[in-house]
Amino acid sequence: MFINPDIKLIDKTGEKDNFFCNLCGFPLQTHDDFKKHKEYSCCTECYLTYAESRRKEWKDGWRPEQTVLDEYIYMRKQIKMQGVEK
């Protein structure tokens, strides 16, 4: 029995999906991450941390300062590494 290993994806919408958060750079993992990313250009964690309380400002272009964002990314990486070590 022969199985063709070539998989062809046909996308007629022309939309490009991004698999990483535009804000923190972490991969999008859940359906909710993709929904938030489509509407707010960020993952669910970044949405809850930054965008939810400032929806109007967020839609108008507000983003956290780079130093704040760098600290946030560092903390998320630390939390992620703690889960790996156990």
PDB file of N, CA and C in Angstrom:
ATOM      1  N   MET A   1       0.847  -1.173   0.000  1.00  0.00           N
ATOM      2  CA  MET A   1       0.000   0.000   0.000  1.00  0.00           C
ATOM      3  C   MET A   1       0.897   1.242   0.000  1.00  0.00           C
ATOM      4  N   PHE A   2       0.589   2.192  -0.850  1.00  0.00           N
ATOM      5  CA  PHE A   2       1.395   3.405  -0.992  1.00  0.00           C
ATOM      6  C   PHE A   2       0.589   4.607  -0.500  1.00  0.00           C
ATOM      7  N   ILE A   3       1.235   5.402   0.323  1.00  0.00           N
ATOM      8  CA  ILE A   3       0.606   6.629   0.812  1.00  0.00           C
ATOM      9  C   ILE A   3       1.433   7.802   0.304  1.00  0.00           C
ATOM     10  N   ASN A   4       0.781   8.757  -0.309  1.00  0.00           N
ATOM     11  CA  ASN A   4       1.465   9.933  -0.829  1.00  0.00           C
ATOM     12  C   ASN A   4       1.800  10.864   0.337  1.00  0.00           C
ATOM     13  N   PRO A   5       3.086  11.110   0.636  1.00  0.00           N
ATOM     14  CA  PRO A   5       3.446  11.949   1.785  1.00  0.00           C
ATOM     15  C   PRO A   5       3.298  13.450   1.526  1.00  0.00           C
ATOM     16  N   ASP A   6       3.033  13.835   0.286  1.00  0.00           N
ATOM     17  CA  ASP A   6       2.894  15.257  -0.030  1.00  0.00           C
ATOM     18  C   ASP A   6       1.515  15.749   0.390  1.00  0.00           C
ATOM     19  N   ILE A   7       1.512  16.822   1.147  1.00  0.00           N
ATOM     20  CA  ILE A   7       0.267  17.436   1.583  1.00  0.00           C
ATOM     21  C   ILE A   7       0.177  18.803   0.934  1.00  0.00           C
ATOM     22  N   LYS A   8      -0.909  19.065   0.284  1.00  0.00           N
ATOM     23  CA  LYS A   8      -1.103  20.355  -0.360  1.00  0.00           C
ATOM     24  C   LYS A   8      -2.211  21.099   0.361  1.00  0.00           C
ATOM     25  N   LEU A   9      -1.905  22.302   0.806  1.00  0.00           N
ATOM     26  CA  LEU A   9      -2.892  23.155   1.446  1.00  0.00           C
ATOM     27  C   LEU A   9      -3.384  24.167   0.424  1.00  0.00           C
ATOM     28  N   ILE A  10      -4.688  24.222   0.282  1.00  0.00           N
ATOM     29  CA  ILE A  10      -5.287  25.168  -0.651  1.00  0.00           C
ATOM     30  C   ILE A  10      -6.028  26.212   0.163  1.00  0.00           C
ATOM     31  N   ASP A  11      -5.517  27.432   0.098  1.00  0.00           N
ATOM     32  CA  ASP A  11      -6.106  28.534   0.846  1.00  0.00           C
ATOM     33  C   ASP A  11      -6.591  29.582  -0.134  1.00  0.00           C
ATOM     34  N   LYS A  12      -7.892  29.673  -0.282  1.00  0.00           N
ATOM     35  CA  LYS A  12      -8.461  30.626  -1.227  1.00  0.00           C
ATOM     36  C   LYS A  12      -8.754  31.980  -0.592  1.00  0.00           C
ATOM     37  N   THR A  13      -8.546  32.100   0.722  1.00  0.00           N
ATOM     38  CA  THR A  13      -8.827  33.373   1.389  1.00  0.00           C
ATOM     39  C   THR A  13      -7.717  34.381   1.170  1.00  0.00           C
ATOM     40  N   GLY A  14      -6.496  33.903   0.990  1.00  0.00           N
ATOM     41  CA  GLY A  14      -5.373  34.817   0.797  1.00  0.00           C
ATOM     42  C   GLY A  14      -4.852  35.416   2.087  1.00  0.00           C
ATOM     43  N   GLU A  15      -5.455  35.058   3.218  1.00  0.00           N
ATOM     44  CA  GLU A  15      -5.006  35.592   4.508  1.00  0.00           C
ATOM     45  C   GLU A  15      -3.769  34.830   4.975  1.00  0.00           C
ATOM     46  N   LYS A  16      -2.855  35.561   5.562  1.00  0.00           N
ATOM     47  CA  LYS A  16      -1.649  34.954   6.119  1.00  0.00           C
ATOM     48  C   LYS A  16      -1.798  34.891   7.630  1.00  0.00           C
ATOM     49  N   ASP A  17      -1.597  33.700   8.193  1.00  0.00           N
ATOM     50  CA  ASP A  17      -1.627  33.557   9.637  1.00  0.00           C
ATOM     51  C   ASP A  17      -0.233  33.741  10.187  1.00  0.00           C
ATOM     52  N   ASN A  18      -0.165  34.441  11.293  1.00  0.00           N
ATOM     53  CA  ASN A  18       1.084  34.594  12.011  1.00  0.00           C
ATOM     54  C   ASN A  18       0.987  33.682  13.221  1.00  0.00           C
ATOM     55  N   PHE A  19       1.974  32.889  13.474  1.00  0.00           N
ATOM     56  CA  PHE A  19       1.921  31.934  14.558  1.00  0.00           C
ATOM     57  C   PHE A  19       2.646  32.426  15.810  1.00  0.00           C
ATOM     58  N   PHE A  20       3.030  33.698  15.823  1.00  0.00           N
ATOM     59  CA  PHE A  20       3.712  34.276  16.969  1.00  0.00           C
ATOM     60  C   PHE A  20       3.055  35.596  17.340  1.00  0.00           C
ATOM     61  N   CYS A  21       3.032  35.882  18.632  1.00  0.00           N
ATOM     62  CA  CYS A  21       2.461  37.133  19.127  1.00  0.00           C
ATOM     63  C   CYS A  21       3.298  38.308  18.626  1.00  0.00           C
ATOM     64  N   ASN A  22       2.631  39.328  18.119  1.00  0.00           N
ATOM     65  CA  ASN A  22       3.339  40.512  17.637  1.00  0.00           C
ATOM     66  C   ASN A  22       3.978  41.308  18.766  1.00  0.00           C
ATOM     67  N   LEU A  23       3.500  41.122  19.990  1.00  0.00           N
ATOM     68  CA  LEU A  23       4.001  41.905  21.111  1.00  0.00           C
ATOM     69  C   LEU A  23       5.135  41.193  21.845  1.00  0.00           C
ATOM     70  N   CYS A  24       4.898  39.957  22.286  1.00  0.00           N
ATOM     71  CA  CYS A  24       5.898  39.259  23.100  1.00  0.00           C
ATOM     72  C   CYS A  24       6.738  38.256  22.314  1.00  0.00           C
ATOM     73  N   GLY A  25       6.263  37.850  21.143  1.00  0.00           N
ATOM     74  CA  GLY A  25       7.020  36.915  20.324  1.00  0.00           C
ATOM     75  C   GLY A  25       6.822  35.455  20.684  1.00  0.00           C
ATOM     76  N   PHE A  26       6.018  35.151  21.707  1.00  0.00           N
ATOM     77  CA  PHE A  26       5.746  33.771  22.075  1.00  0.00           C
ATOM     78  C   PHE A  26       4.813  33.148  21.036  1.00  0.00           C
ATOM     79  N   PRO A  27       4.890  31.825  20.842  1.00  0.00           N
ATOM     80  CA  PRO A  27       4.005  31.189  19.862  1.00  0.00           C
ATOM     81  C   PRO A  27       2.543  31.206  20.319  1.00  0.00           C
ATOM     82  N   LEU A  28       1.651  31.346  19.359  1.00  0.00           N
ATOM     83  CA  LEU A  28       0.223  31.250  19.640  1.00  0.00           C
ATOM     84  C   LEU A  28      -0.101  29.774  19.794  1.00  0.00           C
ATOM     85  N   GLN A  29      -0.765  29.407  20.912  1.00  0.00           N
ATOM     86  CA  GLN A  29      -0.969  27.993  21.202  1.00  0.00           C
ATOM     87  C   GLN A  29      -2.433  27.571  21.203  1.00  0.00           C
ATOM     88  N   THR A  30      -3.311  28.435  21.590  1.00  0.00           N
ATOM     89  CA  THR A  30      -4.708  28.041  21.739  1.00  0.00           C
ATOM     90  C   THR A  30      -5.573  28.761  20.704  1.00  0.00           C
ATOM     91  N   HIS A  31      -6.787  28.263  20.563  1.00  0.00           N
ATOM     92  CA  HIS A  31      -7.750  28.913  19.675  1.00  0.00           C
ATOM     93  C   HIS A  31      -7.989  30.345  20.133  1.00  0.00           C
ATOM     94  N   ASP A  32      -8.059  30.548  21.439  1.00  0.00           N
ATOM     95  CA  ASP A  32      -8.256  31.890  21.987  1.00  0.00           C
ATOM     96  C   ASP A  32      -7.078  32.804  21.633  1.00  0.00           C
ATOM     97  N   ASP A  33      -5.856  32.273  21.638  1.00  0.00           N
ATOM     98  CA  ASP A  33      -4.688  33.056  21.214  1.00  0.00           C
ATOM     99  C   ASP A  33      -4.877  33.562  19.783  1.00  0.00           C
ATOM    100  N   PHE A  34      -5.320  32.688  18.886  1.00  0.00           N
ATOM    101  CA  PHE A  34      -5.509  33.085  17.487  1.00  0.00           C
ATOM    102  C   PHE A  34      -6.644  34.099  17.346  1.00  0.00           C
ATOM    103  N   LYS A  35      -7.718  33.931  18.132  1.00  0.00           N
ATOM    104  CA  LYS A  35      -8.819  34.902  18.092  1.00  0.00           C
ATOM    105  C   LYS A  35      -8.354  36.269  18.565  1.00  0.00           C
ATOM    106  N   LYS A  36      -7.648  36.312  19.696  1.00  0.00           N
ATOM    107  CA  LYS A  36      -7.144  37.586  20.219  1.00  0.00           C
ATOM    108  C   LYS A  36      -6.139  38.200  19.257  1.00  0.00           C
ATOM    109  N   HIS A  37      -5.305  37.362  18.652  1.00  0.00           N
ATOM    110  CA  HIS A  37      -4.300  37.870  17.734  1.00  0.00           C
ATOM    111  C   HIS A  37      -4.955  38.500  16.513  1.00  0.00           C
ATOM    112  N   LYS A  38      -6.027  37.899  16.037  1.00  0.00           N
ATOM    113  CA  LYS A  38      -6.716  38.447  14.872  1.00  0.00           C
ATOM    114  C   LYS A  38      -7.340  39.809  15.180  1.00  0.00           C
ATOM    115  N   GLU A  39      -7.891  39.948  16.393  1.00  0.00           N
ATOM    116  CA  GLU A  39      -8.563  41.194  16.746  1.00  0.00           C
ATOM    117  C   GLU A  39      -7.621  42.243  17.339  1.00  0.00           C
ATOM    118  N   TYR A  40      -6.677  41.814  18.193  1.00  0.00           N
ATOM    119  CA  TYR A  40      -5.828  42.755  18.928  1.00  0.00           C
ATOM    120  C   TYR A  40      -4.342  42.670  18.576  1.00  0.00           C
ATOM    121  N   SER A  41      -3.971  41.786  17.679  1.00  0.00           N
ATOM    122  CA  SER A  41      -2.572  41.588  17.264  1.00  0.00           C
ATOM    123  C   SER A  41      -1.667  41.199  18.430  1.00  0.00           C
ATOM    124  N   CYS A  42      -2.201  40.404  19.347  1.00  0.00           N
ATOM    125  CA  CYS A  42      -1.392  39.892  20.456  1.00  0.00           C
ATOM    126  C   CYS A  42      -2.016  38.601  20.982  1.00  0.00           C
ATOM    127  N   CYS A  43      -1.244  37.844  21.756  1.00  0.00           N
ATOM    128  CA  CYS A  43      -1.743  36.602  22.338  1.00  0.00           C
ATOM    129  C   CYS A  43      -2.683  36.911  23.510  1.00  0.00           C
ATOM    130  N   THR A  44      -3.294  35.877  24.048  1.00  0.00           N
ATOM    131  CA  THR A  44      -4.237  36.047  25.146  1.00  0.00           C
ATOM    132  C   THR A  44      -3.562  36.623  26.386  1.00  0.00           C
ATOM    133  N   GLU A  45      -2.344  36.164  26.681  1.00  0.00           N
ATOM    134  CA  GLU A  45      -1.620  36.673  27.851  1.00  0.00           C
ATOM    135  C   GLU A  45      -1.360  38.177  27.730  1.00  0.00           C
ATOM    136  N   CYS A  46      -0.894  38.607  26.573  1.00  0.00           N
ATOM    137  CA  CYS A  46      -0.639  40.042  26.363  1.00  0.00           C
ATOM    138  C   CYS A  46      -1.946  40.821  26.365  1.00  0.00           C
ATOM    139  N   TYR A  47      -2.994  40.229  25.811  1.00  0.00           N
ATOM    140  CA  TYR A  47      -4.299  40.883  25.828  1.00  0.00           C
ATOM    141  C   TYR A  47      -4.753  41.118  27.267  1.00  0.00           C
ATOM    142  N   LEU A  48      -4.663  40.083  28.099  1.00  0.00           N
ATOM    143  CA  LEU A  48      -5.096  40.207  29.495  1.00  0.00           C
ATOM    144  C   LEU A  48      -4.216  41.184  30.274  1.00  0.00           C
ATOM    145  N   THR A  49      -2.938  41.202  29.966  1.00  0.00           N
ATOM    146  CA  THR A  49      -2.011  42.060  30.691  1.00  0.00           C
ATOM    147  C   THR A  49      -2.096  43.517  30.254  1.00  0.00           C
ATOM    148  N   TYR A  50      -2.203  43.754  28.948  1.00  0.00           N
ATOM    149  CA  TYR A  50      -2.102  45.122  28.447  1.00  0.00           C
ATOM    150  C   TYR A  50      -3.364  45.648  27.764  1.00  0.00           C
ATOM    151  N   ALA A  51      -3.985  44.866  26.915  1.00  0.00           N
ATOM    152  CA  ALA A  51      -5.038  45.401  26.039  1.00  0.00           C
ATOM    153  C   ALA A  51      -6.422  45.435  26.670  1.00  0.00           C
ATOM    154  N   GLU A  52      -6.740  44.472  27.523  1.00  0.00           N
ATOM    155  CA  GLU A  52      -8.109  44.377  28.041  1.00  0.00           C
ATOM    156  C   GLU A  52      -8.540  45.634  28.781  1.00  0.00           C
ATOM    157  N   SER A  53      -7.681  46.167  29.615  1.00  0.00           N
ATOM    158  CA  SER A  53      -8.045  47.345  30.405  1.00  0.00           C
ATOM    159  C   SER A  53      -7.942  48.645  29.600  1.00  0.00           C
ATOM    160  N   ARG A  54      -7.360  48.566  28.395  1.00  0.00           N
ATOM    161  CA  ARG A  54      -7.176  49.765  27.564  1.00  0.00           C
ATOM    162  C   ARG A  54      -7.661  49.506  26.140  1.00  0.00           C
ATOM    163  N   ARG A  55      -8.822  48.892  26.005  1.00  0.00           N
ATOM    164  CA  ARG A  55      -9.294  48.501  24.671  1.00  0.00           C
ATOM    165  C   ARG A  55      -9.335  49.671  23.695  1.00  0.00           C
ATOM    166  N   LYS A  56      -9.899  50.796  24.130  1.00  0.00           N
ATOM    167  CA  LYS A  56     -10.006  51.952  23.232  1.00  0.00           C
ATOM    168  C   LYS A  56      -8.623  52.476  22.865  1.00  0.00           C
ATOM    169  N   GLU A  57      -7.760  52.646  23.877  1.00  0.00           N
ATOM    170  CA  GLU A  57      -6.407  53.127  23.609  1.00  0.00           C
ATOM    171  C   GLU A  57      -5.639  52.135  22.733  1.00  0.00           C
ATOM    172  N   TRP A  58      -5.855  50.834  22.978  1.00  0.00           N
ATOM    173  CA  TRP A  58      -5.182  49.796  22.204  1.00  0.00           C
ATOM    174  C   TRP A  58      -5.580  49.894  20.731  1.00  0.00           C
ATOM    175  N   LYS A  59      -6.873  50.045  20.489  1.00  0.00           N
ATOM    176  CA  LYS A  59      -7.356  50.166  19.106  1.00  0.00           C
ATOM    177  C   LYS A  59      -6.822  51.441  18.447  1.00  0.00           C
ATOM    178  N   ASP A  60      -6.552  52.463  19.265  1.00  0.00           N
ATOM    179  CA  ASP A  60      -5.997  53.719  18.747  1.00  0.00           C
ATOM    180  C   ASP A  60      -4.483  53.666  18.566  1.00  0.00           C
ATOM    181  N   GLY A  61      -3.851  52.539  18.938  1.00  0.00           N
ATOM    182  CA  GLY A  61      -2.423  52.377  18.684  1.00  0.00           C
ATOM    183  C   GLY A  61      -1.524  52.355  19.903  1.00  0.00           C
ATOM    184  N   TRP A  62      -2.077  52.461  21.122  1.00  0.00           N
ATOM    185  CA  TRP A  62      -1.232  52.438  22.317  1.00  0.00           C
ATOM    186  C   TRP A  62      -0.575  51.071  22.470  1.00  0.00           C
ATOM    187  N   ARG A  63       0.685  51.056  22.832  1.00  0.00           N
ATOM    188  CA  ARG A  63       1.418  49.836  23.170  1.00  0.00           C
ATOM    189  C   ARG A  63       2.315  50.150  24.355  1.00  0.00           C
ATOM    190  N   PRO A  64       2.645  49.142  25.171  1.00  0.00           N
ATOM    191  CA  PRO A  64       3.520  49.399  26.318  1.00  0.00           C
ATOM    192  C   PRO A  64       4.921  49.801  25.860  1.00  0.00           C
ATOM    193  N   GLU A  65       5.615  50.528  26.722  1.00  0.00           N
ATOM    194  CA  GLU A  65       6.989  50.926  26.418  1.00  0.00           C
ATOM    195  C   GLU A  65       7.867  49.687  26.300  1.00  0.00           C
ATOM    196  N   GLN A  66       8.914  49.796  25.529  1.00  0.00           N
ATOM    197  CA  GLN A  66       9.785  48.650  25.263  1.00  0.00           C
ATOM    198  C   GLN A  66      10.430  48.106  26.538  1.00  0.00           C
ATOM    199  N   THR A  67      10.806  48.977  27.472  1.00  0.00           N
ATOM    200  CA  THR A  67      11.420  48.496  28.720  1.00  0.00           C
ATOM    201  C   THR A  67      10.421  47.673  29.534  1.00  0.00           C
ATOM    202  N   VAL A  68       9.177  48.106  29.575  1.00  0.00           N
ATOM    203  CA  VAL A  68       8.131  47.361  30.280  1.00  0.00           C
ATOM    204  C   VAL A  68       7.899  46.023  29.590  1.00  0.00           C
ATOM    205  N   LEU A  69       7.862  46.035  28.286  1.00  0.00           N
ATOM    206  CA  LEU A  69       7.653  44.821  27.514  1.00  0.00           C
ATOM    207  C   LEU A  69       8.821  43.845  27.679  1.00  0.00           C
ATOM    208  N   ASP A  70      10.040  44.350  27.681  1.00  0.00           N
ATOM    209  CA  ASP A  70      11.215  43.494  27.884  1.00  0.00           C
ATOM    210  C   ASP A  70      11.170  42.806  29.241  1.00  0.00           C
ATOM    211  N   GLU A  71      10.784  43.533  30.277  1.00  0.00           N
ATOM    212  CA  GLU A  71      10.672  42.944  31.617  1.00  0.00           C
ATOM    213  C   GLU A  71       9.573  41.880  31.653  1.00  0.00           C
ATOM    214  N   TYR A  72       8.464  42.165  31.001  1.00  0.00           N
ATOM    215  CA  TYR A  72       7.346  41.219  30.926  1.00  0.00           C
ATOM    216  C   TYR A  72       7.775  39.927  30.226  1.00  0.00           C
ATOM    217  N   ILE A  73       8.489  40.049  29.107  1.00  0.00           N
ATOM    218  CA  ILE A  73       8.960  38.878  28.369  1.00  0.00           C
ATOM    219  C   ILE A  73       9.937  38.077  29.214  1.00  0.00           C
ATOM    220  N   TYR A  74      10.825  38.764  29.912  1.00  0.00           N
ATOM    221  CA  TYR A  74      11.783  38.094  30.792  1.00  0.00           C
ATOM    222  C   TYR A  74      11.056  37.281  31.869  1.00  0.00           C
ATOM    223  N   MET A  75      10.031  37.878  32.480  1.00  0.00           N
ATOM    224  CA  MET A  75       9.276  37.185  33.531  1.00  0.00           C
ATOM    225  C   MET A  75       8.523  35.977  32.962  1.00  0.00           C
ATOM    226  N   ARG A  76       7.947  36.119  31.790  1.00  0.00           N
ATOM    227  CA  ARG A  76       7.241  34.986  31.172  1.00  0.00           C
ATOM    228  C   ARG A  76       8.205  33.844  30.860  1.00  0.00           C
ATOM    229  N   LYS A  77       9.415  34.179  30.419  1.00  0.00           N
ATOM    230  CA  LYS A  77      10.407  33.143  30.140  1.00  0.00           C
ATOM    231  C   LYS A  77      10.835  32.443  31.428  1.00  0.00           C
ATOM    232  N   GLN A  78      10.975  33.212  32.517  1.00  0.00           N
ATOM    233  CA  GLN A  78      11.340  32.627  33.799  1.00  0.00           C
ATOM    234  C   GLN A  78      10.267  31.661  34.291  1.00  0.00           C
ATOM    235  N   ILE A  79       9.022  32.056  34.160  1.00  0.00           N
ATOM    236  CA  ILE A  79       7.909  31.200  34.582  1.00  0.00           C
ATOM    237  C   ILE A  79       7.874  29.935  33.735  1.00  0.00           C
ATOM    238  N   LYS A  80       8.101  30.081  32.448  1.00  0.00           N
ATOM    239  CA  LYS A  80       8.106  28.942  31.547  1.00  0.00           C
ATOM    240  C   LYS A  80       9.251  27.983  31.894  1.00  0.00           C
ATOM    241  N   MET A  81      10.423  28.525  32.216  1.00  0.00           N
ATOM    242  CA  MET A  81      11.574  27.684  32.561  1.00  0.00           C
ATOM    243  C   MET A  81      11.357  26.953  33.873  1.00  0.00           C
ATOM    244  N   GLN A  82      10.660  27.563  34.822  1.00  0.00           N
ATOM    245  CA  GLN A  82      10.372  26.900  36.081  1.00  0.00           C
ATOM    246  C   GLN A  82       9.490  25.682  35.856  1.00  0.00           C
ATOM    247  N   GLY A  83       8.573  25.775  34.914  1.00  0.00           N
ATOM    248  CA  GLY A  83       7.704  24.641  34.594  1.00  0.00           C
ATOM    249  C   GLY A  83       8.459  23.516  33.923  1.00  0.00           C
ATOM    250  N   VAL A  84       9.523  23.834  33.178  1.00  0.00           N
ATOM    251  CA  VAL A  84      10.321  22.836  32.473  1.00  0.00           C
ATOM    252  C   VAL A  84      11.221  22.089  33.447  1.00  0.00           C
ATOM    253  N   GLU A  85      11.742  22.777  34.455  1.00  0.00           N
ATOM    254  CA  GLU A  85      12.694  22.177  35.396  1.00  0.00           C
ATOM    255  C   GLU A  85      12.056  21.127  36.287  1.00  0.00           C
ATOM    256  N   LYS A  86      10.762  21.205  36.503  1.00  0.00           N
ATOM    257  CA  LYS A  86      10.108  20.274  37.430  1.00  0.00           C
ATOM    258  C   LYS A  86       9.956  18.927  36.866  1.00  0.00           C
TER     259      LYS A  86
END
